[in-house]
């Protein structure tokens, strides 16, 4: 067998032995490419979702602050109205209570 024939035989044998490995490597590489592509897409989706959540949180926080201020104002107004109502009350002391009394007649 001459040198070229021997060289071709060795090359063919190596190619035949390594062909399944080469196929597996192609499949693995393709799978890795898909995974690598999925990661940025997935990351971007999560980033956009987080930005939306942050904006919603800002809006809700601002709305909550406005509502808290409104509650404080309403409570103050209510306290003032109750105080004004009590200022018109008449307090009597020293008059014993009687059963079935008419307060209007007693006063």
PDB file of N, CA and C in Angstrom:
ATOM      1  N   UNK A   1       0.854  -1.159   0.000  1.00  0.00           N
ATOM      2  CA  UNK A   1       0.000   0.000   0.000  1.00  0.00           C
ATOM      3  C   UNK A   1       0.904   1.227   0.000  1.00  0.00           C
ATOM      4  N   UNK A   2       0.598   2.151  -0.886  1.00  0.00           N
ATOM      5  CA  UNK A   2       1.447   3.337  -0.952  1.00  0.00           C
ATOM      6  C   UNK A   2       1.034   4.366   0.110  1.00  0.00           C
ATOM      7  N   UNK A   3       1.823   5.372   0.215  1.00  0.00           N
ATOM      8  CA  UNK A   3       1.657   6.372   1.272  1.00  0.00           C
ATOM      9  C   UNK A   3       0.318   7.107   1.157  1.00  0.00           C
ATOM     10  N   UNK A   4      -0.096   7.507  -0.025  1.00  0.00           N
ATOM     11  CA  UNK A   4      -1.351   8.240  -0.229  1.00  0.00           C
ATOM     12  C   UNK A   4      -2.559   7.376   0.096  1.00  0.00           C
ATOM     13  N   UNK A   5      -2.514   6.132  -0.290  1.00  0.00           N
ATOM     14  CA  UNK A   5      -3.619   5.227   0.004  1.00  0.00           C
ATOM     15  C   UNK A   5      -3.730   5.020   1.508  1.00  0.00           C
ATOM     16  N   UNK A   6      -2.590   4.836   2.152  1.00  0.00           N
ATOM     17  CA  UNK A   6      -2.584   4.654   3.606  1.00  0.00           C
ATOM     18  C   UNK A   6      -3.129   5.908   4.304  1.00  0.00           C
ATOM     19  N   UNK A   7      -2.728   7.060   3.815  1.00  0.00           N
ATOM     20  CA  UNK A   7      -3.188   8.324   4.389  1.00  0.00           C
ATOM     21  C   UNK A   7      -4.696   8.470   4.220  1.00  0.00           C
ATOM     22  N   UNK A   8      -5.211   8.121   3.057  1.00  0.00           N
ATOM     23  CA  UNK A   8      -6.645   8.202   2.801  1.00  0.00           C
ATOM     24  C   UNK A   8      -7.394   7.230   3.691  1.00  0.00           C
ATOM     25  N   UNK A   9      -6.869   6.044   3.871  1.00  0.00           N
ATOM     26  CA  UNK A   9      -7.489   5.037   4.733  1.00  0.00           C
ATOM     27  C   UNK A   9      -7.566   5.540   6.175  1.00  0.00           C
ATOM     28  N   UNK A  10      -6.500   6.142   6.638  1.00  0.00           N
ATOM     29  CA  UNK A  10      -6.474   6.691   8.002  1.00  0.00           C
ATOM     30  C   UNK A  10      -7.504   7.818   8.120  1.00  0.00           C
ATOM     31  N   UNK A  11      -7.540   8.704   7.144  1.00  0.00           N
ATOM     32  CA  UNK A  11      -8.503   9.816   7.159  1.00  0.00           C
ATOM     33  C   UNK A  11      -9.935   9.302   7.149  1.00  0.00           C
ATOM     34  N   UNK A  12     -10.215   8.332   6.286  1.00  0.00           N
ATOM     35  CA  UNK A  12     -11.561   7.759   6.213  1.00  0.00           C
ATOM     36  C   UNK A  12     -11.948   7.100   7.537  1.00  0.00           C
ATOM     37  N   UNK A  13     -11.027   6.390   8.139  1.00  0.00           N
ATOM     38  CA  UNK A  13     -11.291   5.711   9.413  1.00  0.00           C
ATOM     39  C   UNK A  13     -11.573   6.735  10.513  1.00  0.00           C
ATOM     40  N   UNK A  14     -10.755   7.759  10.577  1.00  0.00           N
ATOM     41  CA  UNK A  14     -10.957   8.802  11.591  1.00  0.00           C
ATOM     42  C   UNK A  14     -12.298   9.497  11.371  1.00  0.00           C
ATOM     43  N   UNK A  15     -12.608   9.813  10.126  1.00  0.00           N
ATOM     44  CA  UNK A  15     -13.873  10.464   9.810  1.00  0.00           C
ATOM     45  C   UNK A  15     -15.043   9.577  10.212  1.00  0.00           C
ATOM     46  N   UNK A  16     -14.961   8.304   9.906  1.00  0.00           N
ATOM     47  CA  UNK A  16     -16.024   7.350  10.241  1.00  0.00           C
ATOM     48  C   UNK A  16     -16.205   7.231  11.755  1.00  0.00           C
ATOM     49  N   UNK A  17     -15.108   7.199  12.476  1.00  0.00           N
ATOM     50  CA  UNK A  17     -15.175   7.065  13.939  1.00  0.00           C
ATOM     51  C   UNK A  17     -15.704   8.362  14.571  1.00  0.00           C
ATOM     52  N   UNK A  18     -15.284   9.487  14.040  1.00  0.00           N
ATOM     53  CA  UNK A  18     -15.650  10.766  14.641  1.00  0.00           C
ATOM     54  C   UNK A  18     -16.993  11.318  14.157  1.00  0.00           C
ATOM     55  N   UNK A  19     -17.573  10.735  13.107  1.00  0.00           N
ATOM     56  CA  UNK A  19     -18.825  11.251  12.553  1.00  0.00           C
ATOM     57  C   UNK A  19     -19.952  11.297  13.597  1.00  0.00           C
ATOM     58  N   UNK A  20     -20.217  10.214  14.348  1.00  0.00           N
ATOM     59  CA  UNK A  20     -21.288  10.300  15.364  1.00  0.00           C
ATOM     60  C   UNK A  20     -21.004  11.391  16.413  1.00  0.00           C
ATOM     61  N   UNK A  21     -19.752  11.507  16.805  1.00  0.00           N
ATOM     62  CA  UNK A  21     -19.384  12.544  17.768  1.00  0.00           C
ATOM     63  C   UNK A  21     -19.655  13.932  17.185  1.00  0.00           C
ATOM     64  N   UNK A  22     -19.327  14.099  15.892  1.00  0.00           N
ATOM     65  CA  UNK A  22     -19.549  15.371  15.217  1.00  0.00           C
ATOM     66  C   UNK A  22     -21.041  15.706  15.183  1.00  0.00           C
ATOM     67  N   UNK A  23     -21.874  14.707  14.917  1.00  0.00           N
ATOM     68  CA  UNK A  23     -23.327  14.909  14.890  1.00  0.00           C
ATOM     69  C   UNK A  23     -23.839  15.319  16.277  1.00  0.00           C
ATOM     70  N   UNK A  24     -23.346  14.629  17.295  1.00  0.00           N
ATOM     71  CA  UNK A  24     -23.761  14.965  18.659  1.00  0.00           C
ATOM     72  C   UNK A  24     -23.334  16.390  19.022  1.00  0.00           C
ATOM     73  N   UNK A  25     -22.161  16.768  18.590  1.00  0.00           N
ATOM     74  CA  UNK A  25     -21.675  18.121  18.858  1.00  0.00           C
ATOM     75  C   UNK A  25     -22.545  19.164  18.153  1.00  0.00           C
ATOM     76  N   UNK A  26     -22.979  18.868  16.932  1.00  0.00           N
ATOM     77  CA  UNK A  26     -23.859  19.784  16.207  1.00  0.00           C
ATOM     78  C   UNK A  26     -25.175  19.968  16.958  1.00  0.00           C
ATOM     79  N   UNK A  27     -25.727  18.845  17.422  1.00  0.00           N
ATOM     80  CA  UNK A  27     -26.989  18.901  18.170  1.00  0.00           C
ATOM     81  C   UNK A  27     -26.807  19.695  19.464  1.00  0.00           C
ATOM     82  N   UNK A  28     -25.730  19.411  20.178  1.00  0.00           N
ATOM     83  CA  UNK A  28     -25.459  20.112  21.439  1.00  0.00           C
ATOM     84  C   UNK A  28     -25.239  21.604  21.196  1.00  0.00           C
ATOM     85  N   UNK A  29     -24.524  21.936  20.141  1.00  0.00           N
ATOM     86  CA  UNK A  29     -24.267  23.339  19.814  1.00  0.00           C
ATOM     87  C   UNK A  29     -25.566  24.056  19.473  1.00  0.00           C
ATOM     88  N   UNK A  30     -26.413  23.406  18.698  1.00  0.00           N
ATOM     89  CA  UNK A  30     -27.704  23.997  18.340  1.00  0.00           C
ATOM     90  C   UNK A  30     -28.536  24.239  19.597  1.00  0.00           C
ATOM     91  N   UNK A  31     -28.559  23.253  20.476  1.00  0.00           N
ATOM     92  CA  UNK A  31     -29.305  23.385  21.730  1.00  0.00           C
ATOM     93  C   UNK A  31     -28.760  24.532  22.578  1.00  0.00           C
ATOM     94  N   UNK A  32     -27.442  24.648  22.632  1.00  0.00           N
ATOM     95  CA  UNK A  32     -26.831  25.735  23.405  1.00  0.00           C
ATOM     96  C   UNK A  32     -27.162  27.091  22.800  1.00  0.00           C
ATOM     97  N   UNK A  33     -27.144  27.185  21.471  1.00  0.00           N
ATOM     98  CA  UNK A  33     -27.490  28.443  20.811  1.00  0.00           C
ATOM     99  C   UNK A  33     -28.918  28.851  21.150  1.00  0.00           C
ATOM    100  N   UNK A  34     -29.828  27.880  21.130  1.00  0.00           N
ATOM    101  CA  UNK A  34     -31.221  28.169  21.466  1.00  0.00           C
ATOM    102  C   UNK A  34     -31.346  28.629  22.916  1.00  0.00           C
ATOM    103  N   UNK A  35     -30.618  27.973  23.804  1.00  0.00           N
ATOM    104  CA  UNK A  35     -30.648  28.358  25.221  1.00  0.00           C
ATOM    105  C   UNK A  35     -30.086  29.753  25.420  1.00  0.00           C
ATOM    106  N   UNK A  36     -28.985  30.024  24.752  1.00  0.00           N
ATOM    107  CA  UNK A  36     -28.362  31.342  24.876  1.00  0.00           C
ATOM    108  C   UNK A  36     -29.292  32.414  24.319  1.00  0.00           C
ATOM    109  N   UNK A  37     -29.998  32.124  23.254  1.00  0.00           N
ATOM    110  CA  UNK A  37     -30.938  33.088  22.682  1.00  0.00           C
ATOM    111  C   UNK A  37     -32.134  33.280  23.609  1.00  0.00           C
ATOM    112  N   UNK A  38     -32.568  32.207  24.259  1.00  0.00           N
ATOM    113  CA  UNK A  38     -33.714  32.282  25.168  1.00  0.00           C
ATOM    114  C   UNK A  38     -33.403  33.171  26.365  1.00  0.00           C
ATOM    115  N   UNK A  39     -32.182  33.107  26.860  1.00  0.00           N
ATOM    116  CA  UNK A  39     -31.820  33.859  28.066  1.00  0.00           C
ATOM    117  C   UNK A  39     -32.001  35.365  27.885  1.00  0.00           C
ATOM    118  N   UNK A  40     -31.473  35.993  26.833  1.00  0.00           N
ATOM    119  CA  UNK A  40     -31.704  37.441  26.681  1.00  0.00           C
ATOM    120  C   UNK A  40     -33.181  37.778  26.484  1.00  0.00           C
ATOM    121  N   UNK A  41     -33.883  36.938  25.711  1.00  0.00           N
ATOM    122  CA  UNK A  41     -35.309  37.175  25.507  1.00  0.00           C
ATOM    123  C   UNK A  41     -36.044  37.112  26.835  1.00  0.00           C
ATOM    124  N   UNK A  42     -35.740  36.089  27.609  1.00  0.00           N
ATOM    125  CA  UNK A  42     -36.373  35.909  28.910  1.00  0.00           C
ATOM    126  C   UNK A  42     -36.002  37.053  29.847  1.00  0.00           C
ATOM    127  N   UNK A  43     -34.738  37.430  29.857  1.00  0.00           N
ATOM    128  CA  UNK A  43     -34.281  38.535  30.704  1.00  0.00           C
ATOM    129  C   UNK A  43     -35.009  39.822  30.340  1.00  0.00           C
ATOM    130  N   UNK A  44     -35.130  40.092  29.061  1.00  0.00           N
ATOM    131  CA  UNK A  44     -35.802  41.317  28.612  1.00  0.00           C
ATOM    132  C   UNK A  44     -37.266  41.310  29.045  1.00  0.00           C
ATOM    133  N   UNK A  45     -37.895  40.162  28.940  1.00  0.00           N
ATOM    134  CA  UNK A  45     -39.291  40.040  29.366  1.00  0.00           C
ATOM    135  C   UNK A  45     -39.418  40.334  30.864  1.00  0.00           C
ATOM    136  N   UNK A  46     -38.525  39.780  31.669  1.00  0.00           N
ATOM    137  CA  UNK A  46     -38.555  40.035  33.113  1.00  0.00           C
ATOM    138  C   UNK A  46     -38.243  41.497  33.422  1.00  0.00           C
ATOM    139  N   UNK A  47     -37.324  42.083  32.684  1.00  0.00           N
ATOM    140  CA  UNK A  47     -36.970  43.483  32.901  1.00  0.00           C
ATOM    141  C   UNK A  47     -38.168  44.393  32.627  1.00  0.00           C
ATOM    142  N   UNK A  48     -38.855  44.142  31.519  1.00  0.00           N
ATOM    143  CA  UNK A  48     -40.029  44.941  31.172  1.00  0.00           C
ATOM    144  C   UNK A  48     -41.115  44.763  32.231  1.00  0.00           C
ATOM    145  N   UNK A  49     -41.310  43.526  32.675  1.00  0.00           N
ATOM    146  CA  UNK A  49     -42.302  43.260  33.720  1.00  0.00           C
ATOM    147  C   UNK A  49     -41.954  44.018  34.996  1.00  0.00           C
ATOM    148  N   UNK A  50     -40.689  44.005  35.377  1.00  0.00           N
ATOM    149  CA  UNK A  50     -40.268  44.718  36.591  1.00  0.00           C
ATOM    150  C   UNK A  50     -40.469  46.224  36.444  1.00  0.00           C
ATOM    151  N   UNK A  51     -40.192  46.767  35.277  1.00  0.00           N
ATOM    152  CA  UNK A  51     -40.411  48.197  35.045  1.00  0.00           C
ATOM    153  C   UNK A  51     -41.893  48.532  35.185  1.00  0.00           C
ATOM    154  N   UNK A  52     -42.750  47.680  34.636  1.00  0.00           N
ATOM    155  CA  UNK A  52     -44.194  47.900  34.754  1.00  0.00           C
ATOM    156  C   UNK A  52     -44.638  47.848  36.210  1.00  0.00           C
ATOM    157  N   UNK A  53     -44.106  46.895  36.949  1.00  0.00           N
ATOM    158  CA  UNK A  53     -44.452  46.763  38.368  1.00  0.00           C
ATOM    159  C   UNK A  53     -43.980  47.995  39.139  1.00  0.00           C
ATOM    160  N   UNK A  54     -42.784  48.485  38.828  1.00  0.00           N
ATOM    161  CA  UNK A  54     -42.273  49.693  39.493  1.00  0.00           C
ATOM    162  C   UNK A  54     -43.193  50.882  39.235  1.00  0.00           C
ATOM    163  N   UNK A  55     -43.630  51.040  37.998  1.00  0.00           N
ATOM    164  CA  UNK A  55     -44.525  52.148  37.656  1.00  0.00           C
ATOM    165  C   UNK A  55     -45.858  52.010  38.386  1.00  0.00           C
ATOM    166  N   UNK A  56     -46.385  50.796  38.437  1.00  0.00           N
ATOM    167  CA  UNK A  56     -47.638  50.574  39.158  1.00  0.00           C
ATOM    168  C   UNK A  56     -47.466  50.880  40.638  1.00  0.00           C
ATOM    169  N   UNK A  57     -46.340  50.493  41.203  1.00  0.00           N
ATOM    170  CA  UNK A  57     -46.071  50.754  42.617  1.00  0.00           C
ATOM    171  C   UNK A  57     -45.997  52.259  42.883  1.00  0.00           C
ATOM    172  N   UNK A  58     -45.340  53.003  41.985  1.00  0.00           N
ATOM    173  CA  UNK A  58     -45.279  54.457  42.139  1.00  0.00           C
ATOM    174  C   UNK A  58     -46.685  55.055  42.126  1.00  0.00           C
ATOM    175  N   UNK A  59     -47.493  54.621  41.169  1.00  0.00           N
ATOM    176  CA  UNK A  59     -48.854  55.134  41.047  1.00  0.00           C
ATOM    177  C   UNK A  59     -49.671  54.815  42.291  1.00  0.00           C
ATOM    178  N   UNK A  60     -49.584  53.585  42.751  1.00  0.00           N
ATOM    179  CA  UNK A  60     -50.343  53.162  43.928  1.00  0.00           C
ATOM    180  C   UNK A  60     -49.850  53.894  45.170  1.00  0.00           C
ATOM    181  N   UNK A  61     -48.549  54.089  45.294  1.00  0.00           N
ATOM    182  CA  UNK A  61     -47.997  54.809  46.447  1.00  0.00           C
ATOM    183  C   UNK A  61     -48.489  56.253  46.468  1.00  0.00           C
ATOM    184  N   UNK A  62     -48.495  56.885  45.307  1.00  0.00           N
ATOM    185  CA  UNK A  62     -48.970  58.268  45.226  1.00  0.00           C
ATOM    186  C   UNK A  62     -50.456  58.332  45.558  1.00  0.00           C
ATOM    187  N   UNK A  63     -51.218  57.415  45.017  1.00  0.00           N
ATOM    188  CA  UNK A  63     -52.652  57.365  45.310  1.00  0.00           C
ATOM    189  C   UNK A  63     -52.884  57.126  46.802  1.00  0.00           C
ATOM    190  N   UNK A  64     -52.095  56.245  47.394  1.00  0.00           N
ATOM    191  CA  UNK A  64     -52.211  55.964  48.825  1.00  0.00           C
ATOM    192  C   UNK A  64     -51.919  57.221  49.645  1.00  0.00           C
ATOM    193  N   UNK A  65     -50.889  57.960  49.262  1.00  0.00           N
ATOM    194  CA  UNK A  65     -50.544  59.196  49.973  1.00  0.00           C
ATOM    195  C   UNK A  65     -51.686  60.206  49.885  1.00  0.00           C
ATOM    196  N   UNK A  66     -52.266  60.349  48.692  1.00  0.00           N
ATOM    197  CA  UNK A  66     -53.392  61.267  48.521  1.00  0.00           C
ATOM    198  C   UNK A  66     -54.587  60.843  49.371  1.00  0.00           C
ATOM    199  N   UNK A  67     -54.849  59.548  49.404  1.00  0.00           N
ATOM    200  CA  UNK A  67     -55.967  59.048  50.209  1.00  0.00           C
ATOM    201  C   UNK A  67     -55.711  59.247  51.698  1.00  0.00           C
ATOM    202  N   UNK A  68     -54.473  59.045  52.138  1.00  0.00           N
ATOM    203  CA  UNK A  68     -54.141  59.281  53.547  1.00  0.00           C
ATOM    204  C   UNK A  68     -54.354  60.752  53.909  1.00  0.00           C
ATOM    205  N   UNK A  69     -53.945  61.651  53.022  1.00  0.00           N
ATOM    206  CA  UNK A  69     -54.165  63.080  53.260  1.00  0.00           C
ATOM    207  C   UNK A  69     -55.654  63.402  53.316  1.00  0.00           C
ATOM    208  N   UNK A  70     -56.409  62.805  52.419  1.00  0.00           N
ATOM    209  CA  UNK A  70     -57.864  63.023  52.393  1.00  0.00           C
ATOM    210  C   UNK A  70     -58.504  62.513  53.682  1.00  0.00           C
ATOM    211  N   UNK A  71     -58.069  61.358  54.162  1.00  0.00           N
ATOM    212  CA  UNK A  71     -58.590  60.802  55.416  1.00  0.00           C
ATOM    213  C   UNK A  71     -58.282  61.744  56.572  1.00  0.00           C
ATOM    214  N   UNK A  72     -57.073  62.276  56.614  1.00  0.00           N
ATOM    215  CA  UNK A  72     -56.693  63.215  57.680  1.00  0.00           C
ATOM    216  C   UNK A  72     -57.593  64.446  57.657  1.00  0.00           C
ATOM    217  N   UNK A  73     -57.835  64.988  56.473  1.00  0.00           N
ATOM    218  CA  UNK A  73     -58.712  66.159  56.338  1.00  0.00           C
ATOM    219  C   UNK A  73     -60.124  65.819  56.794  1.00  0.00           C
ATOM    220  N   UNK A  74     -60.647  64.679  56.357  1.00  0.00           N
ATOM    221  CA  UNK A  74     -62.006  64.281  56.740  1.00  0.00           C
ATOM    222  C   UNK A  74     -62.117  64.040  58.240  1.00  0.00           C
ATOM    223  N   UNK A  75     -61.108  63.429  58.844  1.00  0.00           N
ATOM    224  CA  UNK A  75     -61.130  63.205  60.294  1.00  0.00           C
ATOM    225  C   UNK A  75     -61.110  64.532  61.044  1.00  0.00           C
ATOM    226  N   UNK A  76     -60.305  65.478  60.570  1.00  0.00           N
ATOM    227  CA  UNK A  76     -60.249  66.802  61.198  1.00  0.00           C
ATOM    228  C   UNK A  76     -61.599  67.501  61.077  1.00  0.00           C
ATOM    229  N   UNK A  77     -62.194  67.454  59.884  1.00  0.00           N
ATOM    230  CA  UNK A  77     -63.515  68.054  59.686  1.00  0.00           C
ATOM    231  C   UNK A  77     -64.556  67.404  60.588  1.00  0.00           C
ATOM    232  N   UNK A  78     -64.503  66.094  60.696  1.00  0.00           N
ATOM    233  CA  UNK A  78     -65.448  65.373  61.550  1.00  0.00           C
ATOM    234  C   UNK A  78     -65.268  65.774  63.013  1.00  0.00           C
ATOM    235  N   UNK A  79     -64.018  65.845  63.464  1.00  0.00           N
ATOM    236  CA  UNK A  79     -63.750  66.269  64.845  1.00  0.00           C
ATOM    237  C   UNK A  79     -64.288  67.675  65.092  1.00  0.00           C
ATOM    238  N   UNK A  80     -64.074  68.576  64.142  1.00  0.00           N
ATOM    239  CA  UNK A  80     -64.568  69.951  64.283  1.00  0.00           C
ATOM    240  C   UNK A  80     -66.093  69.992  64.345  1.00  0.00           C
ATOM    241  N   UNK A  81     -66.746  69.217  63.479  1.00  0.00           N
ATOM    242  CA  UNK A  81     -68.215  69.168  63.493  1.00  0.00           C
ATOM    243  C   UNK A  81     -68.741  68.592  64.801  1.00  0.00           C
ATOM    244  N   UNK A  82     -68.100  67.540  65.293  1.00  0.00           N
ATOM    245  CA  UNK A  82     -68.523  66.954  66.570  1.00  0.00           C
ATOM    246  C   UNK A  82     -68.328  67.950  67.709  1.00  0.00           C
ATOM    247  N   UNK A  83     -67.223  68.679  67.694  1.00  0.00           N
ATOM    248  CA  UNK A  83     -66.967  69.678  68.738  1.00  0.00           C
ATOM    249  C   UNK A  83     -68.005  70.791  68.676  1.00  0.00           C
ATOM    250  N   UNK A  84     -68.327  71.234  67.459  1.00  0.00           N
ATOM    251  CA  UNK A  84     -69.337  72.285  67.298  1.00  0.00           C
ATOM    252  C   UNK A  84     -70.693  71.795  67.798  1.00  0.00           C
ATOM    253  N   UNK A  85     -71.024  70.549  67.476  1.00  0.00           N
ATOM    254  CA  UNK A  85     -72.294  69.967  67.929  1.00  0.00           C
ATOM    255  C   UNK A  85     -72.334  69.896  69.455  1.00  0.00           C
ATOM    256  N   UNK A  86     -71.231  69.517  70.068  1.00  0.00           N
ATOM    257  CA  UNK A  86     -71.188  69.429  71.533  1.00  0.00           C
ATOM    258  C   UNK A  86     -71.253  70.809  72.183  1.00  0.00           C
ATOM    259  N   UNK A  87     -70.792  71.836  71.488  1.00  0.00           N
ATOM    260  CA  UNK A  87     -70.812  73.176  72.088  1.00  0.00           C
ATOM    261  C   UNK A  87     -72.235  73.692  72.256  1.00  0.00           C
ATOM    262  N   UNK A  88     -73.188  73.140  71.523  1.00  0.00           N
ATOM    263  CA  UNK A  88     -74.590  73.538  71.648  1.00  0.00           C
ATOM    264  C   UNK A  88     -75.344  72.704  72.681  1.00  0.00           C
ATOM    265  N   UNK A  89     -74.686  71.730  73.275  1.00  0.00           N
ATOM    266  CA  UNK A  89     -75.346  70.880  74.274  1.00  0.00           C
ATOM    267  C   UNK A  89     -75.455  71.623  75.601  1.00  0.00           C
ATOM    268  N   UNK A  90     -76.517  71.304  76.314  1.00  0.00           N
ATOM    269  CA  UNK A  90     -76.729  71.867  77.636  1.00  0.00           C
ATOM    270  C   UNK A  90     -76.547  70.746  78.642  1.00  0.00           C
ATOM    271  N   UNK A  91     -75.696  70.978  79.623  1.00  0.00           N
ATOM    272  CA  UNK A  91     -75.445  69.974  80.642  1.00  0.00           C
ATOM    273  C   UNK A  91     -76.130  70.435  81.926  1.00  0.00           C
ATOM    274  N   UNK A  92     -76.971  69.570  82.440  1.00  0.00           N
ATOM    275  CA  UNK A  92     -77.653  69.884  83.707  1.00  0.00           C
ATOM    276  C   UNK A  92     -77.168  68.928  84.769  1.00  0.00           C
ATOM    277  N   UNK A  93     -77.012  69.447  85.967  1.00  0.00           N
ATOM    278  CA  UNK A  93     -76.597  68.604  87.082  1.00  0.00           C
ATOM    279  C   UNK A  93     -77.464  68.926  88.290  1.00  0.00           C
ATOM    280  N   UNK A  94     -77.563  67.997  89.159  1.00  0.00           N
ATOM    281  CA  UNK A  94     -78.289  68.192  90.407  1.00  0.00           C
ATOM    282  C   UNK A  94     -79.781  67.949  90.321  1.00  0.00           C
ATOM    283  N   UNK A  95     -80.283  67.576  89.172  1.00  0.00           N
ATOM    284  CA  UNK A  95     -81.711  67.269  89.044  1.00  0.00           C
ATOM    285  C   UNK A  95     -81.838  65.758  88.980  1.00  0.00           C
ATOM    286  N   UNK A  96     -82.538  65.153  89.957  1.00  0.00           N
ATOM    287  CA  UNK A  96     -82.666  63.700  89.957  1.00  0.00           C
ATOM    288  C   UNK A  96     -83.511  63.214  88.782  1.00  0.00           C
ATOM    289  N   UNK A  97     -83.125  62.052  88.234  1.00  0.00           N
ATOM    290  CA  UNK A  97     -83.882  61.443  87.138  1.00  0.00           C
ATOM    291  C   UNK A  97     -85.114  60.767  87.708  1.00  0.00           C
ATOM    292  N   UNK A  98     -86.176  60.879  86.962  1.00  0.00           N
ATOM    293  CA  UNK A  98     -87.400  60.188  87.350  1.00  0.00           C
ATOM    294  C   UNK A  98     -87.842  59.325  86.180  1.00  0.00           C
ATOM    295  N   UNK A  99     -88.563  58.260  86.506  1.00  0.00           N
ATOM    296  CA  UNK A  99     -89.040  57.338  85.486  1.00  0.00           C
ATOM    297  C   UNK A  99     -90.057  58.052  84.603  1.00  0.00           C
ATOM    298  N   UNK A 100     -89.931  57.839  83.296  1.00  0.00           N
ATOM    299  CA  UNK A 100     -90.836  58.407  82.288  1.00  0.00           C
ATOM    300  C   UNK A 100     -90.923  59.931  82.350  1.00  0.00           C
ATOM    301  N   UNK A 101     -89.810  60.594  82.648  1.00  0.00           N
ATOM    302  CA  UNK A 101     -89.843  62.050  82.712  1.00  0.00           C
ATOM    303  C   UNK A 101     -89.750  62.642  81.318  1.00  0.00           C
ATOM    304  N   UNK A 102     -90.299  63.812  81.124  1.00  0.00           N
ATOM    305  CA  UNK A 102     -90.212  64.562  79.882  1.00  0.00           C
ATOM    306  C   UNK A 102     -89.166  65.644  80.098  1.00  0.00           C
ATOM    307  N   UNK A 103     -88.005  65.493  79.478  1.00  0.00           N
ATOM    308  CA  UNK A 103     -86.881  66.395  79.694  1.00  0.00           C
ATOM    309  C   UNK A 103     -87.259  67.820  79.328  1.00  0.00           C
ATOM    310  N   UNK A 104     -88.041  67.989  78.280  1.00  0.00           N
ATOM    311  CA  UNK A 104     -88.456  69.327  77.854  1.00  0.00           C
ATOM    312  C   UNK A 104     -89.248  70.043  78.925  1.00  0.00           C
ATOM    313  N   UNK A 105     -90.110  69.322  79.650  1.00  0.00           N
ATOM    314  CA  UNK A 105     -90.909  69.936  80.711  1.00  0.00           C
ATOM    315  C   UNK A 105     -90.048  70.249  81.925  1.00  0.00           C
ATOM    316  N   UNK A 106     -89.074  69.382  82.208  1.00  0.00           N
ATOM    317  CA  UNK A 106     -88.217  69.590  83.370  1.00  0.00           C
ATOM    318  C   UNK A 106     -87.371  70.842  83.177  1.00  0.00           C
ATOM    319  N   UNK A 107     -86.883  71.064  81.973  1.00  0.00           N
ATOM    320  CA  UNK A 107     -86.020  72.205  81.698  1.00  0.00           C
ATOM    321  C   UNK A 107     -86.875  73.433  81.659  1.00  0.00           C
TER     322      UNK A 107
END
